N, C-alpha and C. Protein backbone atom coordinates (compact mmCIF):
# COMPACT_ATOMS: atom_id res chain seq x y z
N MET A 1 106.26 53.21 234.87
CA MET A 1 106.20 53.28 233.49
C MET A 1 106.78 52.00 232.69
N ILE A 2 105.89 51.95 231.54
CA ILE A 2 106.03 50.75 230.83
C ILE A 2 107.44 51.14 230.02
N ARG A 3 108.21 50.03 229.97
CA ARG A 3 109.61 50.16 229.09
C ARG A 3 109.50 48.93 228.14
N THR A 4 110.21 49.14 226.95
CA THR A 4 110.57 48.20 225.88
C THR A 4 111.78 48.17 225.49
N ASP A 5 112.28 46.98 225.56
CA ASP A 5 113.98 46.78 224.96
C ASP A 5 113.85 45.76 223.87
N MET A 6 114.62 45.55 222.99
CA MET A 6 114.67 44.50 222.14
C MET A 6 115.82 43.40 222.56
N ARG A 7 115.41 42.26 222.70
CA ARG A 7 116.19 41.15 223.17
C ARG A 7 116.15 39.97 222.34
N ASP A 8 117.22 39.52 221.53
CA ASP A 8 117.28 38.77 220.53
C ASP A 8 115.96 38.51 219.59
N ASP A 9 115.88 39.67 218.88
CA ASP A 9 114.78 39.89 218.04
C ASP A 9 113.32 39.74 218.69
N ARG A 10 113.18 39.97 219.89
CA ARG A 10 111.94 40.08 220.58
C ARG A 10 111.79 41.24 221.43
N VAL A 11 110.41 41.79 221.50
CA VAL A 11 109.96 42.81 222.40
C VAL A 11 110.00 42.49 223.78
N TYR A 12 110.94 43.11 224.47
CA TYR A 12 110.64 42.90 226.00
C TYR A 12 110.15 43.89 226.57
N THR A 13 108.75 43.84 227.40
CA THR A 13 108.16 44.79 228.06
C THR A 13 108.04 44.64 229.44
N TYR A 14 108.21 45.49 230.16
CA TYR A 14 108.20 45.70 231.85
C TYR A 14 107.78 47.07 232.26
N SER A 15 107.42 46.94 233.66
CA SER A 15 107.33 48.08 234.36
C SER A 15 108.54 48.54 235.10
N ASP A 16 109.09 49.91 234.91
CA ASP A 16 110.15 50.25 235.48
C ASP A 16 110.05 50.45 236.94
N ALA A 17 108.63 50.52 237.34
CA ALA A 17 108.37 50.82 238.80
C ALA A 17 108.16 49.43 239.60
N GLY A 18 108.31 48.25 238.95
CA GLY A 18 108.22 47.09 239.69
C GLY A 18 106.85 46.42 240.01
N MET A 19 105.93 47.13 239.05
CA MET A 19 104.56 46.79 238.81
C MET A 19 104.16 45.61 237.81
N LYS A 20 102.91 45.05 238.05
CA LYS A 20 102.58 43.93 236.84
C LYS A 20 102.25 44.73 235.65
N ILE A 21 102.34 44.20 234.48
CA ILE A 21 101.81 44.82 233.40
C ILE A 21 100.60 44.18 232.75
N LEU A 22 99.51 44.91 232.04
CA LEU A 22 98.29 44.39 231.66
C LEU A 22 98.45 44.29 229.92
N GLN A 23 98.18 43.21 229.41
CA GLN A 23 98.16 43.09 227.98
C GLN A 23 96.94 43.36 227.51
N VAL A 24 96.87 44.78 226.91
CA VAL A 24 95.45 45.16 226.46
C VAL A 24 94.64 44.39 225.66
N GLU A 25 95.00 43.66 224.83
CA GLU A 25 94.47 42.83 223.76
C GLU A 25 93.68 41.63 224.51
N THR A 26 94.45 41.06 225.47
CA THR A 26 93.85 39.75 225.97
C THR A 26 93.36 40.04 227.54
N GLY A 27 93.70 41.20 228.27
CA GLY A 27 93.38 41.28 229.55
C GLY A 27 94.14 40.48 230.66
N ILE A 28 95.31 39.93 229.99
CA ILE A 28 95.93 39.04 231.00
C ILE A 28 97.04 39.97 231.58
N VAL A 29 97.31 39.63 233.02
CA VAL A 29 98.43 40.35 233.74
C VAL A 29 99.56 39.54 233.74
N TYR A 30 100.70 40.20 233.48
CA TYR A 30 102.09 39.65 233.62
C TYR A 30 103.00 40.34 234.47
N ASP A 31 104.02 39.73 235.05
CA ASP A 31 105.15 40.28 235.60
C ASP A 31 106.04 41.08 234.53
N ASP A 32 106.30 40.40 233.27
CA ASP A 32 107.03 41.03 232.14
C ASP A 32 106.64 40.33 230.90
N ALA A 33 107.11 40.69 229.85
CA ALA A 33 106.39 40.08 228.45
C ALA A 33 107.44 40.09 227.38
N LEU A 34 107.66 39.00 226.71
CA LEU A 34 108.58 38.89 225.74
C LEU A 34 107.71 38.29 224.40
N ASP A 35 107.62 39.26 223.59
CA ASP A 35 106.69 38.97 222.23
C ASP A 35 107.33 39.16 221.05
N VAL A 36 107.06 38.53 219.98
CA VAL A 36 107.60 38.85 218.57
C VAL A 36 107.33 40.30 218.16
N PRO A 37 108.08 40.80 217.65
CA PRO A 37 107.55 42.33 217.12
C PRO A 37 106.27 42.36 216.26
N GLU A 38 105.91 41.31 215.52
CA GLU A 38 104.82 41.26 214.69
C GLU A 38 103.52 41.06 215.49
N SER A 39 103.58 40.73 216.66
CA SER A 39 102.42 40.54 217.53
C SER A 39 101.58 41.68 217.72
N GLY A 40 102.09 42.99 217.76
CA GLY A 40 101.64 43.91 217.99
C GLY A 40 100.86 44.21 219.34
N TYR A 41 101.28 43.31 220.24
CA TYR A 41 100.56 43.61 221.59
C TYR A 41 100.78 44.80 222.16
N THR A 42 99.91 45.63 222.92
CA THR A 42 100.28 46.73 223.80
C THR A 42 99.86 46.59 225.13
N TYR A 43 100.50 47.14 226.14
CA TYR A 43 100.67 46.58 227.56
C TYR A 43 100.42 48.37 228.41
N THR A 44 99.71 48.32 229.60
CA THR A 44 99.57 49.15 230.53
C THR A 44 100.04 48.79 231.75
N GLU A 45 100.53 49.69 232.45
CA GLU A 45 101.04 49.38 233.86
C GLU A 45 99.64 49.26 234.80
N THR A 46 99.89 48.21 235.62
CA THR A 46 98.93 47.98 236.58
C THR A 46 99.27 48.70 237.92
N ASP A 47 98.52 48.66 239.15
CA ASP A 47 99.02 49.07 240.36
C ASP A 47 99.14 47.90 241.19
N ILE A 48 99.48 46.84 240.71
CA ILE A 48 99.54 45.47 241.34
C ILE A 48 101.30 45.24 241.36
N PRO A 49 101.90 45.29 242.58
CA PRO A 49 103.45 45.09 242.72
C PRO A 49 103.75 43.66 242.37
N ILE A 50 104.79 43.51 241.77
CA ILE A 50 105.26 42.19 241.50
C ILE A 50 105.80 41.68 242.77
N GLU A 51 105.61 40.55 243.18
CA GLU A 51 106.16 39.79 244.40
C GLU A 51 107.39 39.28 244.02
N ASP A 52 108.37 39.23 245.08
CA ASP A 52 109.76 38.75 244.57
C ASP A 52 109.72 37.35 244.50
N GLU A 53 109.27 36.70 245.41
CA GLU A 53 109.29 35.17 245.65
C GLU A 53 108.07 34.65 245.90
N LEU A 54 107.79 33.39 245.36
CA LEU A 54 106.57 32.61 245.80
C LEU A 54 106.93 31.58 247.05
N SER A 55 106.09 31.23 247.76
CA SER A 55 106.24 30.10 248.93
C SER A 55 106.30 28.94 247.99
N ASP A 56 106.84 27.74 248.61
CA ASP A 56 107.04 26.58 248.13
C ASP A 56 105.57 26.26 247.84
N SER A 57 104.59 26.39 248.77
CA SER A 57 103.21 25.78 248.43
C SER A 57 102.65 26.67 247.34
N GLU A 58 102.85 27.92 247.16
CA GLU A 58 102.29 28.74 246.09
C GLU A 58 102.92 28.11 244.68
N ALA A 59 104.31 27.91 244.64
CA ALA A 59 104.82 27.24 243.37
C ALA A 59 103.98 25.94 243.12
N LEU A 60 103.99 25.08 244.02
CA LEU A 60 103.45 23.81 243.73
C LEU A 60 102.15 23.98 243.26
N ASN A 61 101.31 25.01 243.69
CA ASN A 61 99.74 25.30 243.36
C ASN A 61 99.80 25.45 241.86
N ILE A 62 100.63 26.43 241.60
CA ILE A 62 100.85 26.88 240.18
C ILE A 62 101.23 25.81 239.23
N ILE A 63 102.48 24.82 239.65
CA ILE A 63 102.54 23.84 238.72
C ILE A 63 101.68 22.88 238.62
N MET A 64 100.93 22.63 239.60
CA MET A 64 99.88 21.62 239.78
C MET A 64 98.39 22.05 239.04
N GLY A 65 98.48 23.42 238.95
CA GLY A 65 97.26 23.86 238.30
C GLY A 65 96.13 24.10 239.26
N ARG A 66 96.58 24.23 240.73
CA ARG A 66 95.46 24.33 241.60
C ARG A 66 95.24 25.67 242.04
N ASP A 67 94.00 26.05 242.62
CA ASP A 67 93.58 27.17 243.04
C ASP A 67 94.59 27.54 244.49
N ALA A 68 94.86 28.71 244.61
CA ALA A 68 95.67 29.16 245.74
C ALA A 68 95.15 28.52 247.08
N ASP A 69 94.02 28.33 247.23
CA ASP A 69 93.33 27.91 248.62
C ASP A 69 93.21 26.40 248.66
N GLU A 70 93.56 25.74 247.67
CA GLU A 70 93.35 24.30 247.54
C GLU A 70 94.56 23.65 248.49
N PRO A 71 94.13 22.68 249.34
CA PRO A 71 95.10 22.01 250.13
C PRO A 71 96.06 21.20 249.18
N THR A 72 97.25 21.03 249.91
CA THR A 72 98.38 20.24 249.24
C THR A 72 98.25 19.07 250.05
N ASP A 73 99.10 18.16 249.65
CA ASP A 73 99.19 16.79 250.27
C ASP A 73 100.04 17.11 251.79
N SER A 74 100.51 18.10 251.81
CA SER A 74 101.50 18.30 252.90
C SER A 74 100.75 19.13 254.15
N ASP A 75 99.46 19.64 253.55
CA ASP A 75 98.75 20.46 254.35
C ASP A 75 98.02 19.69 255.43
């Protein structure tokens, strides 16, 4: 179920079931979201579980803006 809490004048939105959430207006999927109240964003819960940790290579690909299957220098 989608939950919302206020955190320092921001709306914190998350799934209490550990699932990713979908921002309805943009179609972007997040683990959780922190928005200004005026944004008016709405969210739905997906059936995609939030993964606990990324591998080093997954994190590096995100930082470098690479696709998941692109080789890194260490591959």
